[in-house]
Amino acid sequence: MLAGLGLAYASETITYHYDARGRLIQVEASGTVNNGVMANYSYDKADNRTNVKVNGASGS
């Protein structure tokens, strides 16, 4: 018998946002794992992804 065994469960929701041209512009994470992490994507005139900025990452 495993008395006192505590199990921790992580849950996470990833939300993807697209612009009117169908390009990925933002990814948001919420939940117990990466809560508040957000990535924003930029594009040039030829629709090439040129930059990603990540906010809320702990770095640990």
C-alpha atoms as a PDB file:
ATOM      1  CA  MET A   1       0.000   0.000   0.000  1.00  0.00           C
ATOM      2  CA  LEU A   2       1.288   3.448  -0.884  1.00  0.00           C
ATOM      3  CA  ALA A   3       0.060   5.622   1.934  1.00  0.00           C
ATOM      4  CA  GLY A   4       0.610   9.351   1.722  1.00  0.00           C
ATOM      5  CA  LEU A   5       1.642   9.293  -1.919  1.00  0.00           C
ATOM      6  CA  GLY A   6       0.857  12.709  -3.370  1.00  0.00           C
ATOM      7  CA  LEU A   7       0.732  13.066  -7.118  1.00  0.00           C
ATOM      8  CA  ALA A   8       1.116  16.422  -8.796  1.00  0.00           C
ATOM      9  CA  TYR A   9      -0.482  16.945 -12.156  1.00  0.00           C
ATOM     10  CA  ALA A  10       0.487  19.735 -14.494  1.00  0.00           C
ATOM     11  CA  SER A  11      -1.919  21.227 -16.956  1.00  0.00           C
ATOM     12  CA  GLU A  12      -1.286  23.727 -19.680  1.00  0.00           C
ATOM     13  CA  THR A  13      -3.285  25.469 -22.376  1.00  0.00           C
ATOM     14  CA  ILE A  14      -1.591  26.807 -25.504  1.00  0.00           C
ATOM     15  CA  THR A  15      -3.513  29.443 -27.487  1.00  0.00           C
ATOM     16  CA  TYR A  16      -2.488  30.367 -31.027  1.00  0.00           C
ATOM     17  CA  HIS A  17      -3.414  33.713 -32.623  1.00  0.00           C
ATOM     18  CA  TYR A  18      -3.287  34.424 -36.367  1.00  0.00           C
ATOM     19  CA  ASP A  19      -3.597  37.626 -38.373  1.00  0.00           C
ATOM     20  CA  ALA A  20      -5.969  38.190 -41.314  1.00  0.00           C
ATOM     21  CA  ARG A  21      -3.352  36.716 -43.670  1.00  0.00           C
ATOM     22  CA  GLY A  22      -3.177  33.454 -41.717  1.00  0.00           C
ATOM     23  CA  ARG A  23       0.250  34.118 -40.195  1.00  0.00           C
ATOM     24  CA  LEU A  24       0.985  33.059 -36.640  1.00  0.00           C
ATOM     25  CA  ILE A  25       1.400  36.256 -34.633  1.00  0.00           C
ATOM     26  CA  GLN A  26       1.151  35.151 -30.997  1.00  0.00           C
ATOM     27  CA  VAL A  27       1.359  32.039 -28.834  1.00  0.00           C
ATOM     28  CA  GLU A  28       0.164  32.177 -25.220  1.00  0.00           C
ATOM     29  CA  ALA A  29       0.728  29.549 -22.553  1.00  0.00           C
ATOM     30  CA  SER A  30      -1.390  29.346 -19.417  1.00  0.00           C
ATOM     31  CA  GLY A  31      -1.646  26.802 -16.665  1.00  0.00           C
ATOM     32  CA  THR A  32       0.635  25.330 -14.054  1.00  0.00           C
ATOM     33  CA  VAL A  33       3.700  24.815 -16.259  1.00  0.00           C
ATOM     34  CA  ASN A  34       4.446  27.953 -18.281  1.00  0.00           C
ATOM     35  CA  ASN A  35       1.760  30.326 -17.044  1.00  0.00           C
ATOM     36  CA  GLY A  36       2.028  33.763 -18.612  1.00  0.00           C
ATOM     37  CA  VAL A  37       4.616  32.926 -21.266  1.00  0.00           C
ATOM     38  CA  MET A  38       3.834  34.702 -24.518  1.00  0.00           C
ATOM     39  CA  ALA A  39       5.651  34.711 -27.861  1.00  0.00           C
ATOM     40  CA  ASN A  40       4.983  37.427 -30.453  1.00  0.00           C
ATOM     41  CA  TYR A  41       6.057  36.999 -34.080  1.00  0.00           C
ATOM     42  CA  SER A  42       6.930  39.666 -36.671  1.00  0.00           C
ATOM     43  CA  TYR A  43       7.034  39.347 -40.461  1.00  0.00           C
ATOM     44  CA  ASP A  44       8.555  41.251 -43.364  1.00  0.00           C
ATOM     45  CA  LYS A  45       6.680  42.338 -46.501  1.00  0.00           C
ATOM     46  CA  ALA A  46       7.384  38.952 -48.139  1.00  0.00           C
ATOM     47  CA  ASP A  47       5.704  37.116 -45.208  1.00  0.00           C
ATOM     48  CA  ASN A  48       8.998  35.771 -43.851  1.00  0.00           C
ATOM     49  CA  ARG A  49       9.096  35.479 -40.078  1.00  0.00           C
ATOM     50  CA  THR A  50      11.771  37.948 -38.987  1.00  0.00           C
ATOM     51  CA  ASN A  51      11.522  38.133 -35.214  1.00  0.00           C
ATOM     52  CA  VAL A  52      10.143  36.392 -32.171  1.00  0.00           C
ATOM     53  CA  LYS A  53       9.906  38.050 -28.769  1.00  0.00           C
ATOM     54  CA  VAL A  54       9.202  35.870 -25.742  1.00  0.00           C
ATOM     55  CA  ASN A  55       7.851  37.434 -22.545  1.00  0.00           C
ATOM     56  CA  GLY A  56       7.354  35.794 -19.188  1.00  0.00           C
ATOM     57  CA  ALA A  57       9.985  33.051 -19.524  1.00  0.00           C
ATOM     58  CA  SER A  58      11.694  32.400 -16.208  1.00  0.00           C
ATOM     59  CA  GLY A  59      14.992  31.244 -17.701  1.00  0.00           C
ATOM     60  CA  SER A  60      15.445  28.606 -15.025  1.00  0.00           C
END
